[in-house]
Amino acid sequence: MKFKLDENLPVDAVKIFQEAGYNAVSILDQSLQGCSDKTLISVCKNENRILVTLDIDFANLLTYPPQEYAGIIMLRLKKIR
């Protein structure tokens, strides 16, 4: 599996994926920070990568139909007090 981690995730997250044996890159690795969601998902689609993000916009199934992409993983993390 190939993953692309969004800029809203810690840089160290890429290392965690790589150490687990996955092909993972950050959008920072490709100088895509600040790009539009449309550009980001297009790059992921062209590279056949699963997008891992905190961006809730990618949860919209009408805008991002699952059958069109390798995958979109939208994480919702709990705040630790």
N, C-alpha and C. Protein backbone atom coordinates (compact mmCIF):
# COMPACT_ATOMS: atom_id res chain seq x y z
N MET A 1 0.83 -1.19 0.00
CA MET A 1 0.00 0.00 0.00
C MET A 1 0.87 1.25 0.00
N LYS A 2 0.37 2.26 -0.68
CA LYS A 2 1.09 3.53 -0.76
C LYS A 2 0.23 4.62 -0.13
N PHE A 3 0.86 5.41 0.73
CA PHE A 3 0.15 6.45 1.45
C PHE A 3 0.77 7.82 1.19
N LYS A 4 -0.07 8.85 1.22
CA LYS A 4 0.39 10.24 1.21
C LYS A 4 -0.22 10.90 2.44
N LEU A 5 0.61 11.44 3.31
CA LEU A 5 0.14 12.09 4.53
C LEU A 5 0.04 13.59 4.32
N ASP A 6 -1.09 14.11 4.73
CA ASP A 6 -1.38 15.53 4.57
C ASP A 6 -0.48 16.35 5.49
N GLU A 7 -0.36 17.63 5.19
CA GLU A 7 0.48 18.52 5.97
C GLU A 7 -0.07 18.77 7.38
N ASN A 8 -1.33 18.40 7.63
CA ASN A 8 -1.90 18.61 8.95
C ASN A 8 -1.56 17.48 9.93
N LEU A 9 -0.76 16.54 9.50
CA LEU A 9 -0.28 15.46 10.37
C LEU A 9 1.19 15.72 10.72
N PRO A 10 1.62 15.24 11.87
CA PRO A 10 3.03 15.45 12.26
C PRO A 10 3.99 14.82 11.25
N VAL A 11 5.10 15.48 11.03
CA VAL A 11 6.13 14.98 10.10
C VAL A 11 6.57 13.57 10.49
N ASP A 12 6.65 13.29 11.78
CA ASP A 12 7.07 11.97 12.26
C ASP A 12 6.10 10.86 11.87
N ALA A 13 4.88 11.19 11.51
CA ALA A 13 3.90 10.17 11.13
C ALA A 13 4.36 9.39 9.91
N VAL A 14 5.05 10.04 8.99
CA VAL A 14 5.56 9.35 7.81
C VAL A 14 6.51 8.24 8.23
N LYS A 15 7.37 8.53 9.19
CA LYS A 15 8.33 7.53 9.67
C LYS A 15 7.62 6.32 10.26
N ILE A 16 6.53 6.56 10.96
CA ILE A 16 5.76 5.46 11.56
C ILE A 16 5.24 4.53 10.47
N PHE A 17 4.68 5.11 9.41
CA PHE A 17 4.19 4.30 8.29
C PHE A 17 5.33 3.55 7.63
N GLN A 18 6.45 4.24 7.40
CA GLN A 18 7.59 3.61 6.73
C GLN A 18 8.18 2.49 7.56
N GLU A 19 8.29 2.69 8.86
CA GLU A 19 8.83 1.66 9.74
C GLU A 19 7.91 0.44 9.81
N ALA A 20 6.63 0.65 9.53
CA ALA A 20 5.68 -0.46 9.49
C ALA A 20 5.72 -1.18 8.13
N GLY A 21 6.57 -0.70 7.23
CA GLY A 21 6.77 -1.35 5.94
C GLY A 21 5.96 -0.77 4.78
N TYR A 22 5.33 0.37 5.00
CA TYR A 22 4.52 0.98 3.95
C TYR A 22 5.32 2.02 3.16
N ASN A 23 4.93 2.21 1.93
CA ASN A 23 5.48 3.26 1.08
C ASN A 23 4.69 4.52 1.43
N ALA A 24 5.30 5.42 2.16
CA ALA A 24 4.60 6.62 2.63
C ALA A 24 5.44 7.86 2.38
N VAL A 25 4.75 8.91 1.93
CA VAL A 25 5.38 10.21 1.75
C VAL A 25 4.44 11.27 2.31
N SER A 26 5.01 12.40 2.61
CA SER A 26 4.22 13.54 3.07
C SER A 26 4.07 14.51 1.91
N ILE A 27 3.01 15.29 1.93
CA ILE A 27 2.89 16.30 0.87
C ILE A 27 4.02 17.31 1.00
N LEU A 28 4.62 17.40 2.17
CA LEU A 28 5.77 18.28 2.35
C LEU A 28 6.96 17.78 1.54
N ASP A 29 7.07 16.44 1.39
CA ASP A 29 8.16 15.85 0.61
C ASP A 29 8.10 16.27 -0.85
N GLN A 30 6.91 16.60 -1.33
CA GLN A 30 6.73 16.95 -2.73
C GLN A 30 6.43 18.44 -2.91
N SER A 31 6.65 19.21 -1.85
CA SER A 31 6.40 20.66 -1.88
C SER A 31 4.97 20.99 -2.31
N LEU A 32 4.01 20.23 -1.81
CA LEU A 32 2.60 20.46 -2.13
C LEU A 32 1.85 21.19 -1.02
N GLN A 33 2.58 21.63 0.02
CA GLN A 33 1.91 22.31 1.13
C GLN A 33 1.15 23.53 0.63
N GLY A 34 -0.06 23.68 1.15
CA GLY A 34 -0.88 24.81 0.76
C GLY A 34 -1.65 24.62 -0.54
N CYS A 35 -1.48 23.49 -1.20
CA CYS A 35 -2.21 23.26 -2.45
C CYS A 35 -3.69 23.04 -2.15
N SER A 36 -4.51 23.18 -3.15
CA SER A 36 -5.95 22.98 -2.99
C SER A 36 -6.26 21.50 -2.76
N ASP A 37 -7.42 21.24 -2.15
CA ASP A 37 -7.86 19.85 -1.96
C ASP A 37 -7.96 19.14 -3.30
N LYS A 38 -8.44 19.84 -4.31
CA LYS A 38 -8.59 19.26 -5.65
C LYS A 38 -7.24 18.81 -6.21
N THR A 39 -6.23 19.66 -6.04
CA THR A 39 -4.88 19.30 -6.51
C THR A 39 -4.34 18.12 -5.72
N LEU A 40 -4.50 18.16 -4.41
CA LEU A 40 -3.97 17.09 -3.56
C LEU A 40 -4.59 15.74 -3.92
N ILE A 41 -5.91 15.69 -4.03
CA ILE A 41 -6.55 14.41 -4.32
C ILE A 41 -6.22 13.93 -5.73
N SER A 42 -5.99 14.87 -6.64
CA SER A 42 -5.60 14.51 -8.00
C SER A 42 -4.21 13.87 -8.01
N VAL A 43 -3.29 14.43 -7.25
CA VAL A 43 -1.94 13.87 -7.16
C VAL A 43 -2.01 12.47 -6.54
N CYS A 44 -2.80 12.33 -5.48
CA CYS A 44 -2.96 11.02 -4.83
C CYS A 44 -3.51 9.99 -5.82
N LYS A 45 -4.50 10.41 -6.60
CA LYS A 45 -5.12 9.52 -7.58
C LYS A 45 -4.10 9.11 -8.64
N ASN A 46 -3.34 10.06 -9.15
CA ASN A 46 -2.34 9.77 -10.18
C ASN A 46 -1.23 8.85 -9.67
N GLU A 47 -0.90 8.96 -8.38
CA GLU A 47 0.15 8.14 -7.78
C GLU A 47 -0.40 6.85 -7.17
N ASN A 48 -1.72 6.68 -7.24
CA ASN A 48 -2.39 5.53 -6.63
C ASN A 48 -2.04 5.42 -5.13
N ARG A 49 -2.12 6.57 -4.44
CA ARG A 49 -1.83 6.62 -3.01
C ARG A 49 -3.09 6.87 -2.21
N ILE A 50 -3.12 6.33 -1.03
CA ILE A 50 -4.19 6.56 -0.07
C ILE A 50 -3.86 7.84 0.69
N LEU A 51 -4.79 8.77 0.70
CA LEU A 51 -4.59 10.02 1.43
C LEU A 51 -4.94 9.82 2.89
N VAL A 52 -4.06 10.25 3.78
CA VAL A 52 -4.31 10.23 5.22
C VAL A 52 -4.32 11.69 5.67
N THR A 53 -5.43 12.12 6.26
CA THR A 53 -5.61 13.54 6.56
C THR A 53 -6.48 13.75 7.79
N LEU A 54 -6.43 14.96 8.31
CA LEU A 54 -7.34 15.40 9.37
C LEU A 54 -8.43 16.30 8.79
N ASP A 55 -8.33 16.60 7.51
CA ASP A 55 -9.22 17.55 6.84
C ASP A 55 -10.61 16.93 6.62
N ILE A 56 -11.59 17.44 7.34
CA ILE A 56 -12.95 16.91 7.29
C ILE A 56 -13.60 17.08 5.92
N ASP A 57 -13.11 17.99 5.10
CA ASP A 57 -13.66 18.17 3.75
C ASP A 57 -13.61 16.88 2.93
N PHE A 58 -12.61 16.04 3.18
CA PHE A 58 -12.46 14.80 2.42
C PHE A 58 -13.47 13.72 2.84
N ALA A 59 -14.28 13.99 3.85
CA ALA A 59 -15.31 13.04 4.28
C ALA A 59 -16.56 13.12 3.40
N ASN A 60 -16.65 14.12 2.54
CA ASN A 60 -17.82 14.30 1.69
C ASN A 60 -17.79 13.27 0.55
N LEU A 61 -18.66 12.27 0.66
CA LEU A 61 -18.68 11.18 -0.32
C LEU A 61 -19.20 11.62 -1.69
N LEU A 62 -19.94 12.71 -1.73
CA LEU A 62 -20.41 13.21 -3.02
C LEU A 62 -19.28 13.89 -3.79
N THR A 63 -18.43 14.58 -3.06
CA THR A 63 -17.30 15.26 -3.68
C THR A 63 -16.16 14.29 -3.97
N TYR A 64 -15.96 13.34 -3.07
CA TYR A 64 -14.86 12.37 -3.18
C TYR A 64 -15.40 10.95 -3.12
N PRO A 65 -16.05 10.47 -4.21
CA PRO A 65 -16.62 9.12 -4.22
C PRO A 65 -15.53 8.06 -4.01
N PRO A 66 -15.69 7.18 -3.03
CA PRO A 66 -14.64 6.20 -2.69
C PRO A 66 -14.15 5.35 -3.86
N GLN A 67 -15.03 5.03 -4.78
CA GLN A 67 -14.63 4.17 -5.89
C GLN A 67 -13.66 4.84 -6.86
N GLU A 68 -13.49 6.14 -6.73
CA GLU A 68 -12.60 6.86 -7.65
C GLU A 68 -11.16 6.99 -7.14
N TYR A 69 -10.91 6.58 -5.90
CA TYR A 69 -9.60 6.81 -5.29
C TYR A 69 -9.06 5.53 -4.66
N ALA A 70 -7.74 5.48 -4.48
CA ALA A 70 -7.12 4.34 -3.80
C ALA A 70 -7.61 4.27 -2.35
N GLY A 71 -7.97 5.43 -1.82
CA GLY A 71 -8.51 5.49 -0.47
C GLY A 71 -8.30 6.85 0.14
N ILE A 72 -9.17 7.18 1.06
CA ILE A 72 -9.05 8.40 1.84
C ILE A 72 -9.30 8.02 3.29
N ILE A 73 -8.31 8.26 4.12
CA ILE A 73 -8.45 7.99 5.55
C ILE A 73 -8.47 9.34 6.25
N MET A 74 -9.62 9.67 6.81
CA MET A 74 -9.76 10.92 7.54
C MET A 74 -9.76 10.60 9.03
N LEU A 75 -8.74 11.04 9.71
CA LEU A 75 -8.59 10.76 11.13
C LEU A 75 -9.30 11.82 11.98
N ARG A 76 -9.93 11.38 13.03
CA ARG A 76 -10.51 12.27 14.02
C ARG A 76 -9.84 11.93 15.34
N LEU A 77 -8.98 12.78 15.82
CA LEU A 77 -8.20 12.50 17.02
C LEU A 77 -8.85 13.19 18.23
N LYS A 78 -8.78 12.49 19.36
CA LYS A 78 -9.27 13.05 20.61
C LYS A 78 -8.25 14.03 21.16
N LYS A 79 -8.76 15.07 21.76
CA LYS A 79 -7.87 16.01 22.45
C LYS A 79 -7.56 15.43 23.82
N ILE A 80 -6.29 15.48 24.17
CA ILE A 80 -5.85 14.99 25.48
C ILE A 80 -5.77 16.20 26.41
N ARG A 81 -6.41 16.08 27.53
CA ARG A 81 -6.41 17.20 28.48
C ARG A 81 -5.28 17.13 29.43
